[in-house]
Amino acid sequence: GGVLPGFGDQRELELLVEAGFSPLEAIRVAT
């Protein structure tokens, strides 16, 4: 229950950056 619609989508990008993707790469993954 700790992942909310919408808010969780934003958090996914933050975690991709933590994984080593650049912010621009993370945005591309999500778009």
PDB file of all heavy atoms in Angstrom:
ATOM      1  N   GLY A   1       0.797  -1.221   0.000  1.00  0.00           N
ATOM      2  CA  GLY A   1       0.000   0.000   0.000  1.00  0.00           C
ATOM      3  C   GLY A   1       0.826   1.264   0.000  1.00  0.00           C
ATOM      4  O   GLY A   1       0.272   2.369   0.042  1.00  0.00           O
ATOM      5  N   GLY A   2       2.141   1.129  -0.083  1.00  0.00           N
ATOM      6  CA  GLY A   2       3.018   2.291  -0.017  1.00  0.00           C
ATOM      7  C   GLY A   2       3.349   2.913  -1.360  1.00  0.00           C
ATOM      8  O   GLY A   2       4.222   3.782  -1.432  1.00  0.00           O
ATOM      9  N   VAL A   3       2.664   2.465  -2.416  1.00  0.00           N
ATOM     10  CA  VAL A   3       2.854   3.057  -3.734  1.00  0.00           C
ATOM     11  C   VAL A   3       1.502   3.589  -4.207  1.00  0.00           C
ATOM     12  O   VAL A   3       0.559   2.829  -4.373  1.00  0.00           O
ATOM     13  CB  VAL A   3       3.398   2.036  -4.748  1.00  0.00           C
ATOM     14  CG1 VAL A   3       3.609   2.697  -6.111  1.00  0.00           C
ATOM     15  CG2 VAL A   3       4.705   1.437  -4.249  1.00  0.00           C
ATOM     16  N   LEU A   4       1.417   4.887  -4.411  1.00  0.00           N
ATOM     17  CA  LEU A   4       0.163   5.525  -4.765  1.00  0.00           C
ATOM     18  C   LEU A   4       0.131   5.870  -6.251  1.00  0.00           C
ATOM     19  O   LEU A   4       1.167   6.212  -6.832  1.00  0.00           O
ATOM     20  CB  LEU A   4      -0.041   6.807  -3.943  1.00  0.00           C
ATOM     21  CG  LEU A   4      -0.640   6.651  -2.539  1.00  0.00           C
ATOM     22  CD1 LEU A   4       0.171   5.716  -1.665  1.00  0.00           C
ATOM     23  CD2 LEU A   4      -0.782   8.025  -1.874  1.00  0.00           C
ATOM     24  N   PRO A   5      -1.046   5.780  -6.872  1.00  0.00           N
ATOM     25  CA  PRO A   5      -1.155   6.208  -8.264  1.00  0.00           C
ATOM     26  C   PRO A   5      -0.611   7.627  -8.445  1.00  0.00           C
ATOM     27  O   PRO A   5      -0.894   8.516  -7.639  1.00  0.00           O
ATOM     28  CB  PRO A   5      -2.669   6.161  -8.535  1.00  0.00           C
ATOM     29  CG  PRO A   5      -3.199   5.164  -7.551  1.00  0.00           C
ATOM     30  CD  PRO A   5      -2.348   5.331  -6.325  1.00  0.00           C
ATOM     31  N   GLY A   6       0.159   7.837  -9.484  1.00  0.00           N
ATOM     32  CA  GLY A   6       0.688   9.164  -9.764  1.00  0.00           C
ATOM     33  C   GLY A   6       1.924   9.496  -8.970  1.00  0.00           C
ATOM     34  O   GLY A   6       3.015   9.683  -9.531  1.00  0.00           O
ATOM     35  N   PHE A   7       1.806   9.542  -7.677  1.00  0.00           N
ATOM     36  CA  PHE A   7       2.969   9.790  -6.828  1.00  0.00           C
ATOM     37  C   PHE A   7       4.031   8.714  -7.069  1.00  0.00           C
ATOM     38  O   PHE A   7       5.228   8.996  -7.089  1.00  0.00           O
ATOM     39  CB  PHE A   7       2.565   9.791  -5.352  1.00  0.00           C
ATOM     40  CG  PHE A   7       1.688  10.939  -4.955  1.00  0.00           C
ATOM     41  CD1 PHE A   7       0.337  10.752  -4.713  1.00  0.00           C
ATOM     42  CD2 PHE A   7       2.205  12.218  -4.792  1.00  0.00           C
ATOM     43  CE1 PHE A   7      -0.491  11.794  -4.340  1.00  0.00           C
ATOM     44  CE2 PHE A   7       1.395  13.274  -4.410  1.00  0.00           C
ATOM     45  CZ  PHE A   7       0.035  13.063  -4.188  1.00  0.00           C
ATOM     46  N   GLY A   8       3.580   7.470  -7.230  1.00  0.00           N
ATOM     47  CA  GLY A   8       4.504   6.375  -7.489  1.00  0.00           C
ATOM     48  C   GLY A   8       5.189   6.506  -8.838  1.00  0.00           C
ATOM     49  O   GLY A   8       6.354   6.125  -8.981  1.00  0.00           O
ATOM     50  N   ASP A   9       4.491   7.056  -9.833  1.00  0.00           N
ATOM     51  CA  ASP A   9       5.110   7.277 -11.139  1.00  0.00           C
ATOM     52  C   ASP A   9       6.273   8.257 -11.027  1.00  0.00           C
ATOM     53  O   ASP A   9       7.317   8.074 -11.661  1.00  0.00           O
ATOM     54  CB  ASP A   9       4.075   7.821 -12.122  1.00  0.00           C
ATOM     55  CG  ASP A   9       2.983   6.818 -12.432  1.00  0.00           C
ATOM     56  OD1 ASP A   9       2.044   6.705 -11.631  1.00  0.00           O
ATOM     57  OD2 ASP A   9       3.071   6.144 -13.470  1.00  0.00           O
ATOM     58  N   GLN A  10       6.096   9.294 -10.219  1.00  0.00           N
ATOM     59  CA  GLN A  10       7.177  10.256  -9.999  1.00  0.00           C
ATOM     60  C   GLN A  10       8.342   9.607  -9.259  1.00  0.00           C
ATOM     61  O   GLN A  10       9.513   9.819  -9.613  1.00  0.00           O
ATOM     62  CB  GLN A  10       6.639  11.446  -9.202  1.00  0.00           C
ATOM     63  CG  GLN A  10       5.586  12.251  -9.956  1.00  0.00           C
ATOM     64  CD  GLN A  10       4.884  13.269  -9.077  1.00  0.00           C
ATOM     65  OE1 GLN A  10       4.956  13.206  -7.842  1.00  0.00           O
ATOM     66  NE2 GLN A  10       4.191  14.208  -9.691  1.00  0.00           N
ATOM     67  N   ARG A  11       8.033   8.806  -8.264  1.00  0.00           N
ATOM     68  CA  ARG A  11       9.090   8.150  -7.495  1.00  0.00           C
ATOM     69  C   ARG A  11       9.890   7.191  -8.365  1.00  0.00           C
ATOM     70  O   ARG A  11      11.108   7.038  -8.178  1.00  0.00           O
ATOM     71  CB  ARG A  11       8.485   7.410  -6.304  1.00  0.00           C
ATOM     72  CG  ARG A  11       9.509   6.745  -5.385  1.00  0.00           C
ATOM     73  CD  ARG A  11      10.477   7.740  -4.812  1.00  0.00           C
ATOM     74  NE  ARG A  11      11.480   7.125  -3.940  1.00  0.00           N
ATOM     75  CZ  ARG A  11      12.638   7.681  -3.635  1.00  0.00           C
ATOM     76  NH1 ARG A  11      12.949   8.893  -4.113  1.00  0.00           N
ATOM     77  NH2 ARG A  11      13.494   7.059  -2.852  1.00  0.00           N
ATOM     78  N   GLU A  12       9.241   6.560  -9.335  1.00  0.00           N
ATOM     79  CA  GLU A  12       9.946   5.650 -10.242  1.00  0.00           C
ATOM     80  C   GLU A  12      11.094   6.372 -10.954  1.00  0.00           C
ATOM     81  O   GLU A  12      12.199   5.824 -11.072  1.00  0.00           O
ATOM     82  CB  GLU A  12       8.965   5.067 -11.261  1.00  0.00           C
ATOM     83  CG  GLU A  12       9.590   4.348 -12.436  1.00  0.00           C
ATOM     84  CD  GLU A  12      10.333   3.074 -12.092  1.00  0.00           C
ATOM     85  OE1 GLU A  12      10.071   2.480 -11.017  1.00  0.00           O
ATOM     86  OE2 GLU A  12      11.184   2.650 -12.891  1.00  0.00           O
ATOM     87  N   LEU A  13      10.883   7.601 -11.390  1.00  0.00           N
ATOM     88  CA  LEU A  13      11.952   8.341 -12.063  1.00  0.00           C
ATOM     89  C   LEU A  13      13.104   8.629 -11.113  1.00  0.00           C
ATOM     90  O   LEU A  13      14.277   8.528 -11.482  1.00  0.00           O
ATOM     91  CB  LEU A  13      11.416   9.652 -12.648  1.00  0.00           C
ATOM     92  CG  LEU A  13      10.819   9.515 -14.055  1.00  0.00           C
ATOM     93  CD1 LEU A  13       9.366   9.059 -13.983  1.00  0.00           C
ATOM     94  CD2 LEU A  13      10.903  10.824 -14.824  1.00  0.00           C
ATOM     95  N   GLU A  14      12.770   8.974  -9.878  1.00  0.00           N
ATOM     96  CA  GLU A  14      13.821   9.252  -8.891  1.00  0.00           C
ATOM     97  C   GLU A  14      14.661   8.012  -8.634  1.00  0.00           C
ATOM     98  O   GLU A  14      15.898   8.096  -8.493  1.00  0.00           O
ATOM     99  CB  GLU A  14      13.183   9.769  -7.607  1.00  0.00           C
ATOM    100  CG  GLU A  14      12.489  11.122  -7.774  1.00  0.00           C
ATOM    101  CD  GLU A  14      11.645  11.525  -6.579  1.00  0.00           C
ATOM    102  OE1 GLU A  14      11.371  10.667  -5.712  1.00  0.00           O
ATOM    103  OE2 GLU A  14      11.239  12.697  -6.521  1.00  0.00           O
ATOM    104  N   LEU A  15      14.019   6.859  -8.586  1.00  0.00           N
ATOM    105  CA  LEU A  15      14.757   5.615  -8.334  1.00  0.00           C
ATOM    106  C   LEU A  15      15.582   5.191  -9.548  1.00  0.00           C
ATOM    107  O   LEU A  15      16.651   4.597  -9.395  1.00  0.00           O
ATOM    108  CB  LEU A  15      13.793   4.507  -7.918  1.00  0.00           C
ATOM    109  CG  LEU A  15      13.142   4.708  -6.543  1.00  0.00           C
ATOM    110  CD1 LEU A  15      12.082   3.645  -6.282  1.00  0.00           C
ATOM    111  CD2 LEU A  15      14.184   4.700  -5.429  1.00  0.00           C
ATOM    112  N   LEU A  16      15.110   5.481 -10.744  1.00  0.00           N
ATOM    113  CA  LEU A  16      15.928   5.203 -11.927  1.00  0.00           C
ATOM    114  C   LEU A  16      17.220   6.013 -11.898  1.00  0.00           C
ATOM    115  O   LEU A  16      18.287   5.516 -12.272  1.00  0.00           O
ATOM    116  CB  LEU A  16      15.142   5.517 -13.202  1.00  0.00           C
ATOM    117  CG  LEU A  16      14.053   4.511 -13.590  1.00  0.00           C
ATOM    118  CD1 LEU A  16      13.228   5.048 -14.756  1.00  0.00           C
ATOM    119  CD2 LEU A  16      14.648   3.150 -13.936  1.00  0.00           C
ATOM    120  N   VAL A  17      17.121   7.252 -11.445  1.00  0.00           N
ATOM    121  CA  VAL A  17      18.334   8.071 -11.317  1.00  0.00           C
ATOM    122  C   VAL A  17      19.246   7.493 -10.244  1.00  0.00           C
ATOM    123  O   VAL A  17      20.467   7.430 -10.407  1.00  0.00           O
ATOM    124  CB  VAL A  17      17.964   9.542 -11.023  1.00  0.00           C
ATOM    125  CG1 VAL A  17      19.212  10.360 -10.693  1.00  0.00           C
ATOM    126  CG2 VAL A  17      17.248  10.151 -12.230  1.00  0.00           C
ATOM    127  N   GLU A  18      18.677   7.041  -9.137  1.00  0.00           N
ATOM    128  CA  GLU A  18      19.483   6.369  -8.114  1.00  0.00           C
ATOM    129  C   GLU A  18      20.165   5.133  -8.697  1.00  0.00           C
ATOM    130  O   GLU A  18      21.294   4.795  -8.306  1.00  0.00           O
ATOM    131  CB  GLU A  18      18.598   5.959  -6.930  1.00  0.00           C
ATOM    132  CG  GLU A  18      19.366   5.288  -5.810  1.00  0.00           C
ATOM    133  CD  GLU A  18      18.490   4.851  -4.649  1.00  0.00           C
ATOM    134  OE1 GLU A  18      17.459   5.505  -4.381  1.00  0.00           O
ATOM    135  OE2 GLU A  18      18.835   3.833  -4.000  1.00  0.00           O
ATOM    136  N   ALA A  19      19.523   4.487  -9.655  1.00  0.00           N
ATOM    137  CA  ALA A  19      20.088   3.278 -10.276  1.00  0.00           C
ATOM    138  C   ALA A  19      21.263   3.583 -11.192  1.00  0.00           C
ATOM    139  O   ALA A  19      21.990   2.663 -11.578  1.00  0.00           O
ATOM    140  CB  ALA A  19      19.001   2.553 -11.066  1.00  0.00           C
ATOM    141  N   GLY A  20      21.446   4.842 -11.568  1.00  0.00           N
ATOM    142  CA  GLY A  20      22.572   5.188 -12.424  1.00  0.00           C
ATOM    143  C   GLY A  20      22.203   5.840 -13.744  1.00  0.00           C
ATOM    144  O   GLY A  20      23.081   6.245 -14.508  1.00  0.00           O
ATOM    145  N   PHE A  21      20.908   5.936 -14.034  1.00  0.00           N
ATOM    146  CA  PHE A  21      20.477   6.643 -15.228  1.00  0.00           C
ATOM    147  C   PHE A  21      20.621   8.151 -14.988  1.00  0.00           C
ATOM    148  O   PHE A  21      20.410   8.637 -13.880  1.00  0.00           O
ATOM    149  CB  PHE A  21      19.008   6.332 -15.540  1.00  0.00           C
ATOM    150  CG  PHE A  21      18.750   4.915 -15.965  1.00  0.00           C
ATOM    151  CD1 PHE A  21      18.490   3.927 -15.013  1.00  0.00           C
ATOM    152  CD2 PHE A  21      18.764   4.557 -17.305  1.00  0.00           C
ATOM    153  CE1 PHE A  21      18.247   2.615 -15.393  1.00  0.00           C
ATOM    154  CE2 PHE A  21      18.520   3.246 -17.693  1.00  0.00           C
ATOM    155  CZ  PHE A  21      18.266   2.279 -16.746  1.00  0.00           C
ATOM    156  N   SER A  22      20.943   8.878 -16.026  1.00  0.00           N
ATOM    157  CA  SER A  22      20.904  10.334 -15.910  1.00  0.00           C
ATOM    158  C   SER A  22      19.448  10.766 -15.828  1.00  0.00           C
ATOM    159  O   SER A  22      18.541  10.033 -16.255  1.00  0.00           O
ATOM    160  CB  SER A  22      21.566  10.995 -17.116  1.00  0.00           C
ATOM    161  OG  SER A  22      20.730  10.884 -18.263  1.00  0.00           O
ATOM    162  N   PRO A  23      19.161  11.954 -15.280  1.00  0.00           N
ATOM    163  CA  PRO A  23      17.768  12.416 -15.259  1.00  0.00           C
ATOM    164  C   PRO A  23      17.113  12.407 -16.637  1.00  0.00           C
ATOM    165  O   PRO A  23      15.947  12.018 -16.774  1.00  0.00           O
ATOM    166  CB  PRO A  23      17.880  13.824 -14.687  1.00  0.00           C
ATOM    167  CG  PRO A  23      19.075  13.782 -13.791  1.00  0.00           C
ATOM    168  CD  PRO A  23      20.040  12.885 -14.528  1.00  0.00           C
ATOM    169  N   LEU A  24      17.849  12.819 -17.671  1.00  0.00           N
ATOM    170  CA  LEU A  24      17.274  12.831 -19.018  1.00  0.00           C
ATOM    171  C   LEU A  24      16.985  11.413 -19.508  1.00  0.00           C
ATOM    172  O   LEU A  24      15.981  11.177 -20.194  1.00  0.00           O
ATOM    173  CB  LEU A  24      18.225  13.544 -19.981  1.00  0.00           C
ATOM    174  CG  LEU A  24      18.349  15.064 -19.778  1.00  0.00           C
ATOM    175  CD1 LEU A  24      19.480  15.616 -20.618  1.00  0.00           C
ATOM    176  CD2 LEU A  24      17.038  15.771 -20.104  1.00  0.00           C
ATOM    177  N   GLU A  25      17.852  10.466 -19.158  1.00  0.00           N
ATOM    178  CA  GLU A  25      17.596   9.074 -19.522  1.00  0.00           C
ATOM    179  C   GLU A  25      16.370   8.536 -18.801  1.00  0.00           C
ATOM    180  O   GLU A  25      15.554   7.810 -19.384  1.00  0.00           O
ATOM    181  CB  GLU A  25      18.810   8.212 -19.188  1.00  0.00           C
ATOM    182  CG  GLU A  25      20.011   8.424 -20.093  1.00  0.00           C
ATOM    183  CD  GLU A  25      21.235   7.656 -19.624  1.00  0.00           C
ATOM    184  OE1 GLU A  25      21.412   7.491 -18.389  1.00  0.00           O
ATOM    185  OE2 GLU A  25      22.011   7.208 -20.484  1.00  0.00           O
ATOM    186  N   ALA A  26      16.237   8.867 -17.521  1.00  0.00           N
ATOM    187  CA  ALA A  26      15.087   8.398 -16.749  1.00  0.00           C
ATOM    188  C   ALA A  26      13.791   8.946 -17.324  1.00  0.00           C
ATOM    189  O   ALA A  26      12.780   8.226 -17.423  1.00  0.00           O
ATOM    190  CB  ALA A  26      15.240   8.816 -15.282  1.00  0.00           C
ATOM    191  N   ILE A  27      13.798  10.214 -17.707  1.00  0.00           N
ATOM    192  CA  ILE A  27      12.612  10.818 -18.304  1.00  0.00           C
ATOM    193  C   ILE A  27      12.268  10.119 -19.613  1.00  0.00           C
ATOM    194  O   ILE A  27      11.097   9.854 -19.900  1.00  0.00           O
ATOM    195  CB  ILE A  27      12.819  12.332 -18.492  1.00  0.00           C
ATOM    196  CG1 ILE A  27      12.842  13.022 -17.117  1.00  0.00           C
ATOM    197  CG2 ILE A  27      11.729  12.933 -19.384  1.00  0.00           C
ATOM    198  CD1 ILE A  27      13.301  14.460 -17.151  1.00  0.00           C
ATOM    199  N   ARG A  28      13.288   9.799 -20.404  1.00  0.00           N
ATOM    200  CA  ARG A  28      13.014   9.088 -21.656  1.00  0.00           C
ATOM    201  C   ARG A  28      12.382   7.723 -21.381  1.00  0.00           C
ATOM    202  O   ARG A  28      11.443   7.315 -22.070  1.00  0.00           O
ATOM    203  CB  ARG A  28      14.302   8.900 -22.468  1.00  0.00           C
ATOM    204  CG  ARG A  28      14.064   8.072 -23.710  1.00  0.00           C
ATOM    205  CD  ARG A  28      15.218   8.028 -24.663  1.00  0.00           C
ATOM    206  NE  ARG A  28      14.885   7.228 -25.826  1.00  0.00           N
ATOM    207  CZ  ARG A  28      15.522   7.260 -26.976  1.00  0.00           C
ATOM    208  NH1 ARG A  28      16.564   8.055 -27.134  1.00  0.00           N
ATOM    209  NH2 ARG A  28      15.150   6.498 -27.975  1.00  0.00           N
ATOM    210  N   VAL A  29      12.881   6.998 -20.392  1.00  0.00           N
ATOM    211  CA  VAL A  29      12.308   5.693 -20.053  1.00  0.00           C
ATOM    212  C   VAL A  29      10.820   5.832 -19.745  1.00  0.00           C
ATOM    213  O   VAL A  29      10.004   5.005 -20.173  1.00  0.00           O
ATOM    214  CB  VAL A  29      13.061   5.075 -18.852  1.00  0.00           C
ATOM    215  CG1 VAL A  29      12.304   3.869 -18.299  1.00  0.00           C
ATOM    216  CG2 VAL A  29      14.476   4.668 -19.260  1.00  0.00           C
ATOM    217  N   ALA A  30      10.456   6.893 -19.017  1.00  0.00           N
ATOM    218  CA  ALA A  30       9.082   7.071 -18.550  1.00  0.00           C
ATOM    219  C   ALA A  30       8.175   7.769 -19.555  1.00  0.00           C
ATOM    220  O   ALA A  30       6.983   7.930 -19.287  1.00  0.00           O
ATOM    221  CB  ALA A  30       9.091   7.849 -17.239  1.00  0.00           C
ATOM    222  N   THR A  31       8.718   8.184 -20.696  1.00  0.00           N
ATOM    223  CA  THR A  31       7.909   8.887 -21.692  1.00  0.00           C
ATOM    224  C   THR A  31       8.049   8.218 -23.061  1.00  0.00           C
ATOM    225  O   THR A  31       7.205   7.432 -23.468  1.00  0.00           O
ATOM    226  CB  THR A  31       8.298  10.378 -21.759  1.00  0.00           C
ATOM    227  OG1 THR A  31       9.707  10.506 -22.050  1.00  0.00           O
ATOM    228  CG2 THR A  31       7.993  11.073 -20.441  1.00  0.00           C
TER     229      THR A  31
END
